[in-house]
Every structure is written in structure tokens, then in C-alpha cells.
Amino acid sequence: MRTSDFDYDLPQSFIAQTPLETRDQSRLMVLYRQTGDIQHTIFSQVDEYLKPGDILVVNETRVIPARLFAYKLPSGGRVEILLLRKRDEHTWEALVGGKGLTKGKQMQVEPVKEGKNTPQAIIEAVLVGAERVIRFDAPLEDYFPNIGHVPLPPYIHTRLDDPERYQTVYARTSGSAAAPTAGLHFTPSLIARLQSKGIIFTSVTLHVGLDTFAPVNETDPLEHNIHTEWCQVTQETVNAIREAKQRGGRVIAVGTTSVRTLESAAKGGELKSFEGFTSLYILPGFKFNLVDAMITNFHLPRSTLIMLVSAFADRDLVLRAYEVAKQSKYRFYSFGDAMLII
């Protein structure tokens, strides 16, 4: 197995730059793992492929406005800060842009609008590359409305006028630097319709890091240092999934983040409540203990996400489906169309 096995060519024109006006009108490719059959529909018709008793597991994480701007003290040089992981109430791991950002450097965070109070910060440690540990003099959550900007993926170059369009309609628990994009296709009315047909919803939480967009640069993907992300599966969710399985329902993970969370909590074959960091790396050959089907978007080449999807369905089948998607003019990546793999 080589990283190049998960490569494919995608012209820039296929990368969706804006979300559709109506979330559930995105296209949906249905891929059958056993037969290799492919069907095309729209996301609002996903219920045609589900049955009463199936349980959809969504990731209820909420994207925080993790891009901040600041200036160095006393020089005034501009700094960009991209929050990655919260260590405690005052301390974050972050990516920084700017010169001379060494240990001990002090900064003043800039407000979105003039006249607002903002916290000061100091670099406590230099990590790998542009990563730093930054300590703020107040909890950032209190200031987010005044200082934060939504961090869109690096391949999106069009301004997003409504930041809520980069949130799922069921986002609840703040902590992500990126959205769990498979869930962006759901609307309240679609959820209500699915529930009225006996389809169950339950949730997990995984706070998505920006490493999710990083390509695997190693020739051998096994040499790649997989990113860690904080996740949680509550006992309530465990109970709901167990009951659904006992009644013959399928566990359908909405997004690779839900897959990773569920399989992290089901190591050894039995689903248990879980809270903590996961470094689960899902590659072809992985034995899935829980997930029966998944809803996902179309992912970047050479990414851990397309490797995860290729572990769930055969790699050749996945790459063939991606070629069909290109021929059929599907939209790719975060604001793009969806795939149901069953």
C-alpha cells in the first residue's frame, strides 16, 4: 500500500466554493459496496435508501471562530492566529503567521469592530513548524463574538457571508476548527421527515482539527503521523445504538468524524461510552466493529479521509465512484455533494 494509491486528479473547477442555497438539494451518490452499483439522486431523497429502525449518528460539534488577528507588542507587527486545540481555560495550541514569534513574545488581539475590549496573549512554547502554545489573559470564549473569524478550508477562496452555513443545523458543542461537512446537507424539515418514518437520530462529538485537510506526504501511509482529536460518546448514545442494533437497524455514520468516533469507542468489538483523544488511523484492512453505512462528502486526494472511505469500501470502487462523480459534474469537498455508502 502506497500513498499514491489514493491519488486522483481533480481540476479546480470541481471544488465547490459556496454552499447551495437549500442544503438538502445537493446531489447524492449512492454506492453499494457489495455489488459496485452506483445510483444518483438528491440528498432530500435519502430516506428512499433508509429503513425504519436505522440509526443515524451525527457529530454535533460546532465550529468556533478560530481565526484571530493580533499585533505584536510593542512593535505592532501583524500576526494571524489559527486556534487548533484548547489546553485549558487560558491556553491554546495554534498555528501562527508572522515573523519573530518566539517564546515570550506578547501580542494584543485585534477586535472585529473598533472599540471592543480584547485579550492580550503571550507565546509560551514553540512547537513544530508554525505551531505555538499561546496563553491568553482571559478565557477566549467570552471574546469570540468580538475577535473571531470562521476559518474556512484552504481550498475555499470565496467569502462566506453567512457563517452559519459552515455549521450543521444540529451543531451544539463548540470546539471544532472545521465543520463535519457530511452533516451540512441536513435541514430541520428533512430530519423531522426521517424521524416520522421511524429513522432514529443520535449524536456523538468530535472536535475537528485542521489536520483533517493535510495531505499524507509520506510514500508509505503507515509512516504518517495521524492527527489526534477529542471525541465523546455518551452512555445515552451507546444505549440508543445498542437498542437499534438489537432490533435489526443499521448504524449509519454521518461523516468520517462520526465513523472515527464510533470505531474508537468500539475497540474490541463492544461499544462503550468514551471521552478523550483518539488517534485512530483507519486504512484499508481495518475491521469495522460498528458502522454499517456512512454518509460522506467527496474528499481530497492523498488524505486520511479518502483512505478511511477506501477502508470501508474497496479502494478501486471508491476511485471509480470518484471518476463517475467527475463525469457527472458533482461538486467536491466541504460545500460539495454527498455520497451514501451502503
Protein backbone atom coordinates (compact mmCIF):
# COMPACT_ATOMS: atom_id res chain seq x y z
CA MET A 1 0.00 0.00 0.00
CA ARG A 2 1.33 3.40 -1.04
CA THR A 3 0.02 6.91 -0.59
CA SER A 4 -0.12 7.30 -4.36
CA ASP A 5 -2.76 4.55 -4.39
CA PHE A 6 -5.20 7.16 -3.04
CA ASP A 7 -4.41 9.89 -5.55
CA TYR A 8 -6.70 11.19 -8.24
CA ASP A 9 -6.81 14.26 -10.47
CA LEU A 10 -9.35 16.97 -9.69
CA PRO A 11 -9.47 20.22 -11.66
CA GLN A 12 -10.11 23.30 -9.54
CA SER A 13 -13.47 23.84 -11.23
CA PHE A 14 -14.92 20.84 -9.36
CA ILE A 15 -14.24 22.34 -5.90
CA ALA A 16 -17.43 23.89 -4.55
CA GLN A 17 -16.74 27.44 -3.37
CA THR A 18 -20.13 28.21 -1.88
CA PRO A 19 -22.90 26.13 -0.29
CA LEU A 20 -26.16 25.56 -2.13
CA GLU A 21 -28.97 27.90 -1.16
CA THR A 22 -31.04 24.94 0.07
CA ARG A 23 -28.91 22.45 1.98
CA ASP A 24 -30.75 19.24 1.12
CA GLN A 25 -30.81 19.92 -2.63
CA SER A 26 -27.22 18.79 -3.02
CA ARG A 27 -26.70 15.72 -5.14
CA LEU A 28 -26.33 12.31 -3.55
CA MET A 29 -24.42 9.38 -5.00
CA VAL A 30 -25.44 6.01 -3.57
CA LEU A 31 -22.64 3.46 -3.68
CA TYR A 32 -23.33 -0.22 -2.99
CA ARG A 33 -20.24 -1.85 -1.51
CA GLN A 34 -21.11 -5.44 -2.37
CA THR A 35 -22.22 -5.01 -5.98
CA GLY A 36 -20.40 -1.83 -7.00
CA ASP A 37 -23.67 -0.37 -8.30
CA ILE A 38 -23.99 3.42 -8.32
CA GLN A 39 -27.22 5.41 -8.25
CA HIS A 40 -27.80 9.16 -8.41
CA THR A 41 -30.39 11.18 -6.53
CA ILE A 42 -30.64 14.33 -4.40
CA PHE A 43 -29.99 14.43 -0.68
CA SER A 44 -33.58 15.21 0.26
CA GLN A 45 -34.46 11.74 -1.06
CA VAL A 46 -32.01 9.92 1.20
CA ASP A 47 -34.96 8.34 3.03
CA GLU A 48 -35.53 6.10 0.00
CA TYR A 49 -32.35 4.23 0.97
CA LEU A 50 -33.04 4.05 4.71
CA LYS A 51 -35.50 1.95 6.64
CA PRO A 52 -37.39 2.27 9.93
CA GLY A 53 -35.11 1.34 12.80
CA ASP A 54 -31.92 2.58 11.16
CA ILE A 55 -29.98 4.95 13.39
CA LEU A 56 -28.15 7.97 12.02
CA VAL A 57 -25.20 9.06 14.16
CA VAL A 58 -24.33 12.75 13.72
CA ASN A 59 -21.43 14.78 15.06
CA GLU A 60 -22.89 17.72 16.98
CA THR A 61 -19.64 19.68 17.25
CA ARG A 62 -19.83 23.38 16.49
CA VAL A 63 -17.15 25.33 14.64
CA ILE A 64 -15.58 28.08 16.71
CA PRO A 65 -14.45 31.36 15.12
CA ALA A 66 -10.88 30.13 15.40
CA ARG A 67 -9.06 32.62 13.16
CA LEU A 68 -7.82 35.63 15.12
CA PHE A 69 -5.70 38.62 14.17
CA ALA A 70 -3.30 40.35 16.55
CA TYR A 71 -0.34 42.69 16.65
CA LYS A 72 2.97 42.22 18.42
CA LEU A 73 3.83 44.29 21.45
CA PRO A 74 5.47 46.74 21.34
CA SER A 75 6.40 46.68 17.63
CA GLY A 76 2.89 46.45 16.18
CA GLY A 77 3.77 43.78 13.60
CA ARG A 78 0.73 41.88 12.31
CA VAL A 79 0.04 38.30 13.44
CA GLU A 80 -2.52 35.73 12.33
CA ILE A 81 -3.53 33.07 14.85
CA LEU A 82 -5.41 29.89 13.99
CA LEU A 83 -6.61 28.10 17.10
CA LEU A 84 -6.18 24.32 16.95
CA ARG A 85 -6.70 22.76 20.38
CA LYS A 86 -7.69 24.11 23.77
CA ARG A 87 -5.39 23.01 26.61
CA ASP A 88 -7.11 24.84 29.45
CA GLU A 89 -9.22 27.93 30.04
CA HIS A 90 -6.44 30.29 29.01
CA THR A 91 -4.08 28.19 26.86
CA TRP A 92 -4.40 27.04 23.24
CA GLU A 93 -2.27 25.30 20.67
CA ALA A 94 -2.35 27.37 17.50
CA LEU A 95 -0.81 27.97 14.10
CA VAL A 96 0.71 31.42 13.75
CA GLY A 97 1.62 33.57 10.79
CA GLY A 98 4.17 36.34 11.20
CA LYS A 99 7.83 36.90 11.93
CA GLY A 100 9.68 36.71 15.22
CA LEU A 101 7.01 34.73 17.05
CA THR A 102 9.34 33.23 19.61
CA LYS A 103 8.78 32.19 23.21
CA GLY A 104 7.85 35.15 25.39
CA LYS A 105 6.53 37.32 22.54
CA GLN A 106 3.48 39.32 23.65
CA MET A 107 0.53 40.16 21.44
CA GLN A 108 -2.68 42.17 21.54
CA VAL A 109 -5.66 40.52 19.84
CA GLU A 110 -7.50 42.79 17.41
CA PRO A 111 -11.28 43.33 17.60
CA VAL A 112 -13.61 42.63 14.69
CA LYS A 113 -15.09 46.07 15.29
CA GLU A 114 -13.24 49.03 16.76
CA GLY A 115 -13.93 49.97 20.33
CA LYS A 116 -14.24 46.44 21.71
CA ASN A 117 -12.05 45.15 24.52
CA THR A 118 -9.78 42.26 23.55
CA PRO A 119 -7.38 39.96 25.42
CA GLN A 120 -3.61 40.01 25.38
CA ALA A 121 -1.54 36.90 24.74
CA ILE A 122 1.96 35.53 25.19
CA ILE A 123 3.71 32.69 23.38
CA GLU A 124 4.57 30.08 26.00
CA ALA A 125 6.22 27.47 23.79
CA VAL A 126 7.38 26.89 20.22
CA LEU A 127 6.21 23.56 18.83
CA VAL A 128 6.74 22.07 15.35
CA GLY A 129 6.85 24.47 12.42
CA ALA A 130 4.34 27.29 12.85
CA GLU A 131 2.63 25.70 15.85
CA ARG A 132 2.79 27.54 19.14
CA VAL A 133 1.35 27.28 22.64
CA ILE A 134 -0.32 30.61 23.39
CA ARG A 135 -1.62 31.78 26.75
CA PHE A 136 -4.33 34.45 26.80
CA ASP A 137 -5.07 36.62 29.81
CA ALA A 138 -8.78 35.71 29.74
CA PRO A 139 -10.95 32.82 28.51
CA LEU A 140 -11.32 33.29 24.75
CA GLU A 141 -14.91 32.05 24.56
CA ASP A 142 -16.03 35.26 26.25
CA TYR A 143 -14.45 37.27 23.44
CA PHE A 144 -15.24 35.18 20.35
CA PRO A 145 -18.09 37.44 19.13
CA ASN A 146 -15.66 40.38 19.17
CA ILE A 147 -12.46 38.79 17.88
CA GLY A 148 -13.21 35.59 15.95
CA HIS A 149 -13.46 34.81 12.25
CA VAL A 150 -14.73 31.48 10.86
CA PRO A 151 -11.77 29.51 9.46
CA LEU A 152 -12.80 28.15 6.06
CA PRO A 153 -10.79 25.32 4.47
CA PRO A 154 -7.74 26.45 2.46
CA TYR A 155 -9.31 25.45 -0.88
CA ILE A 156 -12.30 27.79 -0.42
CA HIS A 157 -11.50 31.24 -1.76
CA THR A 158 -14.97 32.79 -1.88
CA ARG A 159 -16.16 34.88 1.04
CA LEU A 160 -18.90 33.25 3.11
CA ASP A 161 -21.43 35.94 4.01
CA ASP A 162 -23.38 33.78 6.47
CA PRO A 163 -21.04 31.89 8.84
CA GLU A 164 -23.95 29.64 9.90
CA ARG A 165 -23.74 27.95 6.51
CA TYR A 166 -20.50 26.38 7.73
CA GLN A 167 -22.36 24.89 10.69
CA THR A 168 -24.67 21.88 10.75
CA VAL A 169 -28.23 22.63 11.83
CA TYR A 170 -27.71 20.40 14.87
CA ALA A 171 -24.33 21.87 15.96
CA ARG A 172 -24.31 22.17 19.75
CA THR A 173 -20.89 21.74 21.37
CA SER A 174 -18.28 24.35 20.43
CA GLY A 175 -14.74 23.22 19.76
CA SER A 176 -14.06 22.50 16.07
CA ALA A 177 -11.67 24.32 13.76
CA ALA A 178 -13.55 22.81 10.78
CA ALA A 179 -17.08 21.60 10.15
CA PRO A 180 -18.14 17.94 9.93
CA THR A 181 -19.24 18.63 6.38
CA ALA A 182 -21.29 15.49 5.65
CA GLY A 183 -23.86 16.90 8.06
CA LEU A 184 -24.21 20.19 6.20
CA HIS A 185 -26.81 18.61 3.89
CA PHE A 186 -29.42 18.08 6.61
CA THR A 187 -32.27 20.52 7.22
CA PRO A 188 -34.69 20.58 10.17
CA SER A 189 -37.54 19.56 7.88
CA LEU A 190 -35.58 16.62 6.44
CA ILE A 191 -34.65 15.44 9.94
CA ALA A 192 -38.28 15.66 11.01
CA ARG A 193 -39.41 13.69 7.97
CA LEU A 194 -36.85 10.96 8.58
CA GLN A 195 -37.86 10.69 12.22
CA SER A 196 -41.53 10.46 11.23
CA LYS A 197 -40.59 7.39 9.17
CA GLY A 198 -39.03 5.66 12.15
CA ILE A 199 -35.42 6.57 11.47
CA ILE A 200 -33.55 7.35 14.69
CA PHE A 201 -31.06 10.13 15.32
CA THR A 202 -28.36 10.13 17.98
CA SER A 203 -25.19 12.16 18.36
CA VAL A 204 -21.52 11.97 19.19
CA THR A 205 -18.98 14.78 19.46
CA LEU A 206 -15.64 15.01 17.74
CA HIS A 207 -13.88 18.38 17.55
CA VAL A 208 -12.40 18.52 14.07
CA GLY A 209 -8.86 19.84 13.68
CA LEU A 210 -7.34 21.49 10.63
CA ASP A 211 -5.06 18.48 10.21
CA THR A 212 -8.05 16.86 8.55
CA PHE A 213 -7.14 18.83 5.38
CA ALA A 214 -3.46 17.90 5.43
CA PRO A 215 -2.32 15.54 2.68
CA VAL A 216 -0.28 12.47 3.54
CA ASN A 217 3.20 13.32 2.25
CA GLU A 218 4.93 10.07 3.22
CA THR A 219 5.33 7.46 0.48
CA ASP A 220 4.05 4.80 2.86
CA PRO A 221 0.81 5.97 4.55
CA LEU A 222 1.67 3.84 7.60
CA GLU A 223 4.51 6.26 8.29
CA HIS A 224 2.11 9.21 8.51
CA ASN A 225 1.63 10.71 11.98
CA ILE A 226 -2.17 10.70 12.27
CA HIS A 227 -3.72 13.69 14.00
CA THR A 228 -5.45 13.35 17.35
CA GLU A 229 -8.88 14.79 18.02
CA TRP A 230 -11.04 14.97 21.13
CA CYS A 231 -14.26 13.00 20.97
CA GLN A 232 -17.09 11.78 23.18
CA VAL A 233 -19.69 9.02 23.04
CA THR A 234 -22.19 9.26 25.89
CA GLN A 235 -23.93 6.33 27.56
CA GLU A 236 -27.21 7.64 26.17
CA THR A 237 -25.84 7.27 22.64
CA VAL A 238 -24.44 3.83 23.46
CA ASN A 239 -27.87 2.71 24.67
CA ALA A 240 -29.64 4.10 21.59
CA ILE A 241 -27.25 2.32 19.22
CA ARG A 242 -27.47 -0.97 21.12
CA GLU A 243 -31.26 -0.89 21.02
CA ALA A 244 -31.29 -0.08 17.31
CA LYS A 245 -28.86 -2.91 16.54
CA GLN A 246 -30.89 -5.39 18.61
CA ARG A 247 -33.96 -4.51 16.56
CA GLY A 248 -32.13 -5.02 13.27
CA GLY A 249 -31.39 -1.40 12.47
CA ARG A 250 -28.24 -0.30 10.71
CA VAL A 251 -25.75 2.13 12.24
CA ILE A 252 -25.25 4.88 9.67
CA ALA A 253 -22.44 7.28 10.50
CA VAL A 254 -22.88 10.81 9.18
CA GLY A 255 -19.36 11.76 8.21
CA THR A 256 -15.89 10.35 8.67
CA THR A 257 -15.73 12.10 12.06
CA SER A 258 -18.67 10.04 13.33
CA VAL A 259 -17.04 6.89 11.91
CA ARG A 260 -13.79 7.64 13.70
CA THR A 261 -15.58 8.41 16.97
CA LEU A 262 -17.76 5.29 16.91
CA GLU A 263 -14.95 2.94 15.97
CA SER A 264 -12.72 4.50 18.65
CA ALA A 265 -15.42 3.70 21.21
CA ALA A 266 -15.97 0.18 19.85
CA LYS A 267 -12.42 -1.16 20.04
CA GLY A 268 -12.57 -4.82 20.86
CA GLY A 269 -15.97 -5.13 19.24
CA GLU A 270 -18.16 -3.75 22.03
CA LEU A 271 -19.40 -0.16 22.01
CA LYS A 272 -18.77 1.64 25.30
CA SER A 273 -19.06 5.23 26.41
CA PHE A 274 -15.87 7.13 25.69
CA GLU A 275 -14.38 10.55 26.27
CA GLY A 276 -10.88 11.62 25.34
CA PHE A 277 -8.48 11.93 22.44
CA THR A 278 -8.46 9.48 19.58
CA SER A 279 -5.58 8.79 17.22
CA LEU A 280 -7.40 6.00 15.39
CA TYR A 281 -5.99 5.67 11.87
CA ILE A 282 -8.35 3.84 9.54
CA LEU A 283 -6.71 2.36 6.46
CA PRO A 284 -7.68 -0.48 4.10
CA GLY A 285 -7.59 -3.70 6.09
CA PHE A 286 -9.23 -2.11 9.12
CA LYS A 287 -12.01 -4.20 10.70
CA PHE A 288 -15.10 -2.10 11.32
CA ASN A 289 -16.81 -3.13 14.54
CA LEU A 290 -19.91 -0.97 14.43
CA VAL A 291 -20.57 1.15 11.36
CA ASP A 292 -22.85 -0.43 8.72
CA ALA A 293 -23.14 2.50 6.32
CA MET A 294 -21.87 6.04 6.04
CA ILE A 295 -22.79 9.40 4.57
CA THR A 296 -19.77 11.38 3.46
CA ASN A 297 -18.63 14.07 1.06
CA PHE A 298 -16.00 13.73 -1.67
CA HIS A 299 -12.54 14.08 -0.15
CA LEU A 300 -9.12 15.42 -1.05
CA PRO A 301 -6.70 13.07 -2.81
CA ARG A 302 -3.95 11.52 -0.66
CA SER A 303 -5.84 12.44 2.52
CA THR A 304 -6.55 10.29 5.56
CA LEU A 305 -10.24 10.79 4.80
CA ILE A 306 -10.20 9.14 1.38
CA MET A 307 -8.13 6.37 2.96
CA LEU A 308 -10.84 5.87 5.60
CA VAL A 309 -13.55 5.71 2.92
CA SER A 310 -11.38 3.26 0.94
CA ALA A 311 -11.18 1.06 4.03
CA PHE A 312 -14.97 0.98 4.26
CA ALA A 313 -15.49 0.33 0.56
CA ASP A 314 -12.92 -1.17 -1.78
CA ARG A 315 -10.31 1.38 -2.88
CA ASP A 316 -10.77 0.65 -6.58
CA LEU A 317 -14.51 1.02 -6.19
CA VAL A 318 -14.15 4.34 -4.38
CA LEU A 319 -11.81 5.75 -7.00
CA ARG A 320 -14.14 4.57 -9.77
CA ALA A 321 -17.04 6.29 -7.99
CA TYR A 322 -14.99 9.49 -7.84
CA GLU A 323 -14.39 9.29 -11.60
CA VAL A 324 -18.13 8.81 -12.14
CA ALA A 325 -18.74 11.84 -9.91
CA LYS A 326 -16.40 13.92 -12.05
CA GLN A 327 -18.06 12.75 -15.26
CA SER A 328 -21.45 13.58 -13.74
CA LYS A 329 -20.29 17.06 -12.65
CA TYR A 330 -20.63 16.52 -8.91
CA ARG A 331 -19.35 19.24 -6.59
CA PHE A 332 -16.40 18.23 -4.37
CA TYR A 333 -15.12 18.88 -0.84
CA SER A 334 -16.69 20.78 2.07
CA PHE A 335 -19.51 22.62 0.27
CA GLY A 336 -19.91 19.87 -2.31
CA ASP A 337 -22.24 16.94 -2.84
CA ALA A 338 -22.60 13.78 -0.79
CA MET A 339 -22.19 10.04 -1.04
CA LEU A 340 -24.11 7.31 0.80
CA ILE A 341 -22.11 4.09 1.05
CA ILE A 342 -24.21 1.05 1.95
